[in-house]
Amino acid sequence: LSLFDLKLEATFREEKLKLEEEDLSRITASDGTLPGGLTPEQFQKMVANPELMSFLQSTKVQEAMKLLMTGGPEELQSKLEADPELRETLAKVQKVMGDVGVPPK
């Protein structure tokens, strides 16, 4: 695992994550964004938010992300219509993401 991966794992274990500028510069694209289109500042705010990290570890959210990546937005929308708990959880995730400066897509 890379130093970055180890630091991210520390976050998921609820340890304090300290990303150095050098860590972020290694994964920053030429347009100044990280994978997923986030700015380094947005990413740092996200990983520093324990509520968001908790959501991202939830089985429901992980299943939704997998469904979005494999089946596309239509399949995720069908799942959201059939699963009110997932719909509520993803609404909370979107709110927290907005709170840390990541606009909804």
C-alpha atoms as a PDB file:
ATOM      1  CA  LEU A   1       0.000   0.000   0.000  1.00  0.00           C
ATOM      2  CA  SER A   2       1.096   3.528  -0.684  1.00  0.00           C
ATOM      3  CA  LEU A   3       1.568   6.102   2.040  1.00  0.00           C
ATOM      4  CA  PHE A   4      -1.642   7.732   0.830  1.00  0.00           C
ATOM      5  CA  ASP A   5      -3.590   4.442   1.143  1.00  0.00           C
ATOM      6  CA  LEU A   6      -2.255   3.900   4.648  1.00  0.00           C
ATOM      7  CA  LYS A   7      -3.307   7.390   5.682  1.00  0.00           C
ATOM      8  CA  LEU A   8      -6.769   6.842   4.229  1.00  0.00           C
ATOM      9  CA  GLU A   9      -7.089   3.559   6.123  1.00  0.00           C
ATOM     10  CA  ALA A  10      -6.184   5.430   9.311  1.00  0.00           C
ATOM     11  CA  THR A  11      -9.143   7.702   8.696  1.00  0.00           C
ATOM     12  CA  PHE A  12     -11.495   4.764   8.383  1.00  0.00           C
ATOM     13  CA  ARG A  13     -10.169   3.469  11.711  1.00  0.00           C
ATOM     14  CA  GLU A  14     -11.122   6.875  13.130  1.00  0.00           C
ATOM     15  CA  GLU A  15      -7.531   7.912  13.608  1.00  0.00           C
ATOM     16  CA  LYS A  16      -6.572  11.483  12.766  1.00  0.00           C
ATOM     17  CA  LEU A  17      -5.605  11.771   9.111  1.00  0.00           C
ATOM     18  CA  LYS A  18      -2.916  14.270   8.279  1.00  0.00           C
ATOM     19  CA  LEU A  19      -2.337  14.650   4.566  1.00  0.00           C
ATOM     20  CA  GLU A  20       0.796  16.433   3.562  1.00  0.00           C
ATOM     21  CA  GLU A  21       0.855  18.659   0.505  1.00  0.00           C
ATOM     22  CA  GLU A  22       3.268  16.171  -1.079  1.00  0.00           C
ATOM     23  CA  ASP A  23       0.717  13.339  -0.685  1.00  0.00           C
ATOM     24  CA  LEU A  24      -1.944  15.307  -2.532  1.00  0.00           C
ATOM     25  CA  SER A  25       0.408  16.570  -5.227  1.00  0.00           C
ATOM     26  CA  ARG A  26       1.229  12.977  -6.199  1.00  0.00           C
ATOM     27  CA  ILE A  27      -2.398  12.267  -7.076  1.00  0.00           C
ATOM     28  CA  THR A  28      -3.401  15.690  -8.440  1.00  0.00           C
ATOM     29  CA  ALA A  29      -4.094  15.845 -12.174  1.00  0.00           C
ATOM     30  CA  SER A  30      -2.750  18.563 -14.458  1.00  0.00           C
ATOM     31  CA  ASP A  31      -6.048  20.458 -14.126  1.00  0.00           C
ATOM     32  CA  GLY A  32      -5.516  20.737 -10.353  1.00  0.00           C
ATOM     33  CA  THR A  33      -8.175  18.208  -9.354  1.00  0.00           C
ATOM     34  CA  LEU A  34      -8.055  14.795  -7.736  1.00  0.00           C
ATOM     35  CA  PRO A  35      -9.803  11.679  -9.032  1.00  0.00           C
ATOM     36  CA  GLY A  36     -13.525  12.373  -9.049  1.00  0.00           C
ATOM     37  CA  GLY A  37     -12.997  16.046  -9.855  1.00  0.00           C
ATOM     38  CA  LEU A  38     -12.452  17.129  -6.254  1.00  0.00           C
ATOM     39  CA  THR A  39     -10.036  19.859  -5.350  1.00  0.00           C
ATOM     40  CA  PRO A  40      -7.391  18.964  -2.772  1.00  0.00           C
ATOM     41  CA  GLU A  41      -9.132  21.320  -0.338  1.00  0.00           C
ATOM     42  CA  GLN A  42     -12.502  19.575  -0.812  1.00  0.00           C
ATOM     43  CA  PHE A  43     -10.872  16.190  -0.312  1.00  0.00           C
ATOM     44  CA  GLN A  44      -9.174  17.309   2.902  1.00  0.00           C
ATOM     45  CA  LYS A  45     -12.490  18.634   4.247  1.00  0.00           C
ATOM     46  CA  MET A  46     -14.197  15.363   3.335  1.00  0.00           C
ATOM     47  CA  VAL A  47     -11.709  13.071   5.058  1.00  0.00           C
ATOM     48  CA  ALA A  48     -11.680  15.333   8.118  1.00  0.00           C
ATOM     49  CA  ASN A  49     -15.461  14.944   8.515  1.00  0.00           C
ATOM     50  CA  PRO A  50     -16.196  11.920  10.751  1.00  0.00           C
ATOM     51  CA  GLU A  51     -19.876  11.865   9.789  1.00  0.00           C
ATOM     52  CA  LEU A  52     -19.042  11.606   6.099  1.00  0.00           C
ATOM     53  CA  MET A  53     -16.390   8.953   6.712  1.00  0.00           C
ATOM     54  CA  SER A  54     -18.974   6.962   8.658  1.00  0.00           C
ATOM     55  CA  PHE A  55     -21.463   7.205   5.786  1.00  0.00           C
ATOM     56  CA  LEU A  56     -18.843   6.113   3.254  1.00  0.00           C
ATOM     57  CA  GLN A  57     -18.142   3.013   5.337  1.00  0.00           C
ATOM     58  CA  SER A  58     -21.811   2.018   5.477  1.00  0.00           C
ATOM     59  CA  THR A  59     -22.805  -1.041   3.497  1.00  0.00           C
ATOM     60  CA  LYS A  60     -25.812   0.802   2.054  1.00  0.00           C
ATOM     61  CA  VAL A  61     -23.707   3.629   0.638  1.00  0.00           C
ATOM     62  CA  GLN A  62     -21.065   1.254  -0.700  1.00  0.00           C
ATOM     63  CA  GLU A  63     -23.770  -0.802  -2.430  1.00  0.00           C
ATOM     64  CA  ALA A  64     -25.234   2.378  -3.941  1.00  0.00           C
ATOM     65  CA  MET A  65     -21.835   3.514  -5.252  1.00  0.00           C
ATOM     66  CA  LYS A  66     -21.216   0.066  -6.739  1.00  0.00           C
ATOM     67  CA  LEU A  67     -24.651   0.061  -8.375  1.00  0.00           C
ATOM     68  CA  LEU A  68     -24.033   3.522  -9.831  1.00  0.00           C
ATOM     69  CA  MET A  69     -20.680   2.419 -11.266  1.00  0.00           C
ATOM     70  CA  THR A  70     -21.952  -0.883 -12.687  1.00  0.00           C
ATOM     71  CA  GLY A  71     -25.564  -0.173 -13.607  1.00  0.00           C
ATOM     72  CA  GLY A  72     -25.538   3.561 -14.105  1.00  0.00           C
ATOM     73  CA  PRO A  73     -27.821   6.282 -12.777  1.00  0.00           C
ATOM     74  CA  GLU A  74     -31.006   4.592 -14.009  1.00  0.00           C
ATOM     75  CA  GLU A  75     -30.413   1.474 -11.919  1.00  0.00           C
ATOM     76  CA  LEU A  76     -29.506   3.540  -8.890  1.00  0.00           C
ATOM     77  CA  GLN A  77     -32.673   5.593  -9.317  1.00  0.00           C
ATOM     78  CA  SER A  78     -34.759   2.394  -9.446  1.00  0.00           C
ATOM     79  CA  LYS A  79     -33.091   1.168  -6.266  1.00  0.00           C
ATOM     80  CA  LEU A  80     -33.691   4.520  -4.551  1.00  0.00           C
ATOM     81  CA  GLU A  81     -37.383   4.391  -5.441  1.00  0.00           C
ATOM     82  CA  ALA A  82     -37.650   0.917  -3.907  1.00  0.00           C
ATOM     83  CA  ASP A  83     -35.511   1.546  -0.803  1.00  0.00           C
ATOM     84  CA  PRO A  84     -36.546   4.509   1.384  1.00  0.00           C
ATOM     85  CA  GLU A  85     -33.711   3.837   3.854  1.00  0.00           C
ATOM     86  CA  LEU A  86     -31.107   4.114   1.099  1.00  0.00           C
ATOM     87  CA  ARG A  87     -32.801   7.243  -0.248  1.00  0.00           C
ATOM     88  CA  GLU A  88     -32.645   8.852   3.214  1.00  0.00           C
ATOM     89  CA  THR A  89     -29.010   7.820   3.738  1.00  0.00           C
ATOM     90  CA  LEU A  90     -27.890   9.215   0.381  1.00  0.00           C
ATOM     91  CA  ALA A  91     -29.750  12.465   1.084  1.00  0.00           C
ATOM     92  CA  LYS A  92     -27.716  12.766   4.299  1.00  0.00           C
ATOM     93  CA  VAL A  93     -24.499  12.040   2.394  1.00  0.00           C
ATOM     94  CA  GLN A  94     -25.340  14.760  -0.141  1.00  0.00           C
ATOM     95  CA  LYS A  95     -26.028  17.241   2.662  1.00  0.00           C
ATOM     96  CA  VAL A  96     -22.696  16.510   4.359  1.00  0.00           C
ATOM     97  CA  MET A  97     -20.896  16.699   1.015  1.00  0.00           C
ATOM     98  CA  GLY A  98     -22.487  20.110   0.453  1.00  0.00           C
ATOM     99  CA  ASP A  99     -21.426  21.172   3.941  1.00  0.00           C
ATOM    100  CA  VAL A 100     -17.779  20.469   3.050  1.00  0.00           C
ATOM    101  CA  GLY A 101     -18.061  22.316  -0.255  1.00  0.00           C
ATOM    102  CA  VAL A 102     -18.665  19.502  -2.735  1.00  0.00           C
ATOM    103  CA  PRO A 103     -21.655  20.406  -4.928  1.00  0.00           C
ATOM    104  CA  PRO A 104     -24.093  17.625  -5.927  1.00  0.00           C
ATOM    105  CA  LYS A 105     -23.693  16.145  -9.388  1.00  0.00           C
END
